N, C-alpha and C. Protein backbone atom coordinates (compact mmCIF):
# COMPACT_ATOMS: atom_id res chain seq x y z
N MET A 1 121.41 105.30 81.89
CA MET A 1 120.78 105.75 83.11
C MET A 1 119.32 106.08 82.84
N MET A 2 118.44 105.68 83.74
CA MET A 2 117.01 105.85 83.55
C MET A 2 116.60 107.26 83.96
N THR A 3 115.82 107.91 83.11
CA THR A 3 115.33 109.24 83.45
C THR A 3 114.20 109.13 84.45
N LYS A 4 113.88 110.25 85.07
CA LYS A 4 112.83 110.27 86.08
C LYS A 4 111.49 109.83 85.50
N ARG A 5 111.19 110.29 84.28
CA ARG A 5 109.92 109.95 83.64
C ARG A 5 109.83 108.45 83.37
N LYS A 6 110.92 107.86 82.86
CA LYS A 6 110.94 106.42 82.58
C LYS A 6 110.82 105.61 83.86
N GLN A 7 111.48 106.10 84.91
CA GLN A 7 111.44 105.39 86.18
C GLN A 7 110.01 105.39 86.75
N VAL A 8 109.32 106.52 86.69
CA VAL A 8 107.95 106.61 87.18
C VAL A 8 107.04 105.68 86.38
N LYS A 9 107.20 105.67 85.05
CA LYS A 9 106.40 104.79 84.20
C LYS A 9 106.67 103.33 84.53
N SER A 10 107.94 102.99 84.75
CA SER A 10 108.30 101.62 85.10
C SER A 10 107.67 101.21 86.43
N ASN A 11 107.69 102.11 87.41
CA ASN A 11 107.09 101.82 88.72
C ASN A 11 105.58 101.63 88.59
N GLN A 12 104.94 102.43 87.76
CA GLN A 12 103.50 102.29 87.56
C GLN A 12 103.17 100.96 86.91
N GLN A 13 103.96 100.55 85.94
CA GLN A 13 103.72 99.26 85.27
C GLN A 13 103.89 98.11 86.26
N THR A 14 104.92 98.19 87.08
CA THR A 14 105.15 97.15 88.07
C THR A 14 103.98 97.08 89.04
N THR A 15 103.50 98.23 89.50
CA THR A 15 102.37 98.27 90.42
C THR A 15 101.13 97.67 89.78
N GLU A 16 100.90 97.96 88.51
CA GLU A 16 99.74 97.42 87.81
C GLU A 16 99.84 95.90 87.70
N ARG A 17 101.04 95.40 87.41
CA ARG A 17 101.22 93.95 87.31
C ARG A 17 100.98 93.27 88.64
N VAL A 18 101.50 93.87 89.71
CA VAL A 18 101.34 93.30 91.05
C VAL A 18 99.87 93.29 91.44
N ALA A 19 99.13 94.31 91.06
CA ALA A 19 97.72 94.39 91.40
C ALA A 19 96.90 93.29 90.71
N LYS A 20 97.41 92.74 89.61
CA LYS A 20 96.68 91.72 88.87
C LYS A 20 96.99 90.30 89.33
N VAL A 21 97.87 90.13 90.31
CA VAL A 21 98.23 88.81 90.80
C VAL A 21 97.09 88.25 91.63
N THR A 22 96.71 87.01 91.36
CA THR A 22 95.64 86.37 92.13
C THR A 22 96.18 85.92 93.49
N ALA A 23 95.29 85.57 94.38
CA ALA A 23 95.69 85.12 95.71
C ALA A 23 96.55 83.86 95.63
N LEU A 24 96.18 82.94 94.74
CA LEU A 24 96.96 81.71 94.58
C LEU A 24 98.35 82.01 94.04
N GLU A 25 98.44 82.91 93.06
CA GLU A 25 99.75 83.29 92.52
C GLU A 25 100.61 83.95 93.59
N GLU A 26 99.98 84.77 94.43
CA GLU A 26 100.73 85.41 95.51
C GLU A 26 101.29 84.37 96.47
N GLN A 27 100.48 83.36 96.81
CA GLN A 27 100.94 82.30 97.71
C GLN A 27 102.12 81.56 97.11
N VAL A 28 102.04 81.25 95.82
CA VAL A 28 103.13 80.52 95.15
C VAL A 28 104.40 81.35 95.17
N ILE A 29 104.29 82.63 94.88
CA ILE A 29 105.46 83.52 94.88
C ILE A 29 106.06 83.59 96.28
N ARG A 30 105.20 83.73 97.28
CA ARG A 30 105.69 83.81 98.66
C ARG A 30 106.40 82.52 99.07
N MET A 31 105.85 81.36 98.67
CA MET A 31 106.48 80.08 99.02
C MET A 31 107.82 79.93 98.32
N ARG A 32 107.87 80.25 97.03
CA ARG A 32 109.12 80.09 96.27
C ARG A 32 110.22 81.01 96.75
N LYS A 33 109.84 82.23 97.12
CA LYS A 33 110.82 83.23 97.54
C LYS A 33 111.06 83.25 99.04
N GLY A 34 110.29 82.48 99.79
CA GLY A 34 110.46 82.43 101.23
C GLY A 34 109.98 83.69 101.93
N LEU A 35 108.99 84.35 101.36
CA LEU A 35 108.47 85.59 101.94
C LEU A 35 107.33 85.27 102.90
N SER A 36 107.29 85.97 104.00
CA SER A 36 106.20 85.75 104.94
C SER A 36 105.03 86.66 104.60
N ALA A 37 103.88 86.26 105.04
CA ALA A 37 102.68 87.06 104.82
C ALA A 37 102.64 88.16 105.87
N PRO A 38 101.96 89.25 105.59
CA PRO A 38 101.83 90.32 106.59
C PRO A 38 101.17 89.80 107.86
N VAL A 39 101.55 90.34 108.99
CA VAL A 39 101.02 89.89 110.28
C VAL A 39 99.51 90.10 110.35
N GLU A 40 99.02 91.17 109.76
CA GLU A 40 97.60 91.48 109.85
C GLU A 40 96.75 90.69 108.85
N LEU A 41 97.36 89.81 108.08
CA LEU A 41 96.63 89.03 107.09
C LEU A 41 95.65 88.08 107.78
N VAL A 42 94.42 88.10 107.34
CA VAL A 42 93.39 87.21 107.88
C VAL A 42 93.16 86.12 106.83
N LEU A 43 93.32 84.88 107.26
CA LEU A 43 93.12 83.77 106.35
C LEU A 43 91.63 83.55 106.11
N GLU A 44 91.29 83.27 104.87
CA GLU A 44 89.88 83.07 104.57
C GLU A 44 89.48 81.64 104.91
N HIS A 45 88.25 81.48 105.33
CA HIS A 45 87.71 80.16 105.63
C HIS A 45 86.96 79.64 104.41
N LYS A 46 87.03 78.35 104.22
CA LYS A 46 86.32 77.72 103.10
C LYS A 46 84.99 77.14 103.55
N ALA A 47 84.43 77.66 104.64
CA ALA A 47 83.19 77.12 105.19
C ALA A 47 81.96 77.69 104.50
N GLY A 48 82.13 78.75 103.74
CA GLY A 48 80.99 79.36 103.09
C GLY A 48 80.04 79.97 104.11
N ASN A 49 78.74 79.68 103.98
CA ASN A 49 77.75 80.24 104.90
C ASN A 49 77.39 79.28 106.03
N ASN A 50 78.10 78.17 106.15
CA ASN A 50 77.82 77.18 107.18
C ASN A 50 78.37 77.65 108.53
N ILE A 51 77.48 78.12 109.39
CA ILE A 51 77.88 78.70 110.68
C ILE A 51 78.50 77.65 111.59
N GLU A 52 77.95 76.45 111.60
CA GLU A 52 78.49 75.37 112.45
C GLU A 52 79.92 75.02 112.05
N LEU A 53 80.14 74.92 110.74
CA LEU A 53 81.48 74.57 110.25
C LEU A 53 82.47 75.68 110.57
N LYS A 54 82.05 76.94 110.45
CA LYS A 54 82.92 78.06 110.80
C LYS A 54 83.33 77.98 112.27
N ALA A 55 82.36 77.68 113.14
CA ALA A 55 82.64 77.59 114.57
C ALA A 55 83.62 76.46 114.86
N LYS A 56 83.43 75.31 114.19
CA LYS A 56 84.35 74.18 114.38
C LYS A 56 85.75 74.52 113.90
N LEU A 57 85.85 75.17 112.74
CA LEU A 57 87.16 75.56 112.22
C LEU A 57 87.86 76.56 113.15
N ASP A 58 87.11 77.50 113.69
CA ASP A 58 87.68 78.47 114.62
C ASP A 58 88.19 77.78 115.89
N ALA A 59 87.42 76.82 116.40
CA ALA A 59 87.83 76.08 117.60
C ALA A 59 89.09 75.27 117.34
N ILE A 60 89.15 74.62 116.19
CA ILE A 60 90.35 73.84 115.83
C ILE A 60 91.56 74.75 115.72
N GLU A 61 91.36 75.89 115.04
CA GLU A 61 92.46 76.83 114.87
C GLU A 61 92.97 77.34 116.22
N ARG A 62 92.05 77.65 117.13
CA ARG A 62 92.43 78.13 118.46
C ARG A 62 93.24 77.08 119.21
N ARG A 63 92.78 75.81 119.15
CA ARG A 63 93.51 74.73 119.85
C ARG A 63 94.90 74.54 119.27
N VAL A 64 95.01 74.59 117.95
CA VAL A 64 96.31 74.41 117.30
C VAL A 64 97.26 75.53 117.69
N LEU A 65 96.78 76.77 117.66
CA LEU A 65 97.64 77.90 118.01
C LEU A 65 98.07 77.84 119.48
N GLU A 66 97.16 77.44 120.36
CA GLU A 66 97.51 77.30 121.78
C GLU A 66 98.55 76.21 121.98
N ALA A 67 98.37 75.09 121.31
CA ALA A 67 99.31 73.96 121.44
C ALA A 67 100.67 74.32 120.86
N ALA A 68 100.69 75.01 119.75
CA ALA A 68 101.96 75.37 119.11
C ALA A 68 102.73 76.39 119.94
N GLY A 69 102.01 77.28 120.60
CA GLY A 69 102.68 78.31 121.40
C GLY A 69 103.19 77.77 122.72
N ALA A 70 102.57 76.74 123.24
CA ALA A 70 102.93 76.23 124.56
C ALA A 70 104.07 75.22 124.53
N ARG A 71 104.40 74.71 123.37
CA ARG A 71 105.43 73.66 123.28
C ARG A 71 106.83 74.20 123.50
N THR A 72 107.55 73.50 124.33
CA THR A 72 108.98 73.76 124.48
C THR A 72 109.66 72.41 124.56
N SER A 73 110.39 72.10 123.54
CA SER A 73 111.06 70.81 123.47
C SER A 73 112.53 71.00 123.82
N SER A 74 113.02 70.26 124.80
CA SER A 74 114.43 70.37 125.17
C SER A 74 115.32 69.86 124.04
N THR A 75 114.86 68.83 123.33
CA THR A 75 115.64 68.30 122.21
C THR A 75 115.77 69.35 121.11
N LYS A 76 114.66 70.00 120.79
CA LYS A 76 114.68 71.03 119.76
C LYS A 76 115.59 72.18 120.19
N SER A 77 115.51 72.57 121.45
CA SER A 77 116.36 73.65 121.95
C SER A 77 117.83 73.30 121.83
N LYS A 78 118.18 72.05 122.13
CA LYS A 78 119.58 71.61 122.02
C LYS A 78 120.05 71.64 120.57
N ILE A 79 119.20 71.20 119.65
CA ILE A 79 119.56 71.20 118.23
C ILE A 79 119.76 72.63 117.73
N VAL A 80 118.85 73.52 118.09
CA VAL A 80 118.96 74.92 117.66
C VAL A 80 120.22 75.55 118.23
N SER A 81 120.50 75.30 119.50
CA SER A 81 121.72 75.84 120.13
C SER A 81 122.97 75.33 119.44
N ALA A 82 123.01 74.04 119.15
CA ALA A 82 124.18 73.46 118.48
C ALA A 82 124.37 74.05 117.09
N LEU A 83 123.29 74.23 116.36
CA LEU A 83 123.40 74.83 115.03
C LEU A 83 123.85 76.28 115.10
N ARG A 84 123.38 77.01 116.10
CA ARG A 84 123.81 78.40 116.25
C ARG A 84 125.30 78.48 116.57
N ARG A 85 125.78 77.59 117.45
CA ARG A 85 127.22 77.58 117.78
C ARG A 85 128.04 77.20 116.57
N LYS A 86 127.55 76.28 115.78
CA LYS A 86 128.27 75.82 114.60
C LYS A 86 128.39 76.92 113.55
N ASN A 87 127.37 77.75 113.43
CA ASN A 87 127.35 78.80 112.41
C ASN A 87 128.07 80.08 112.83
N ARG A 88 128.61 80.13 114.02
CA ARG A 88 129.34 81.34 114.48
C ARG A 88 130.68 81.43 113.88
């Protein structure tokens, strides 16, 4: 059985290791484990200081999000419903 002191030390070591994980390593871990990113996470742009490119990327992102939210496919709904009934 782990004593309180050992447990605290173990938690501190784990926290230190997690703090050293790079953004790329975090993405790989999330993909492998199927973990979602926090809702408040803001994705970084690779546009650098190019204002025009940032504006274009923002416009593309807005269009994609609008299109993805507006879609309702009857075929997809039927497939999801059938799978849900099958798994009951």
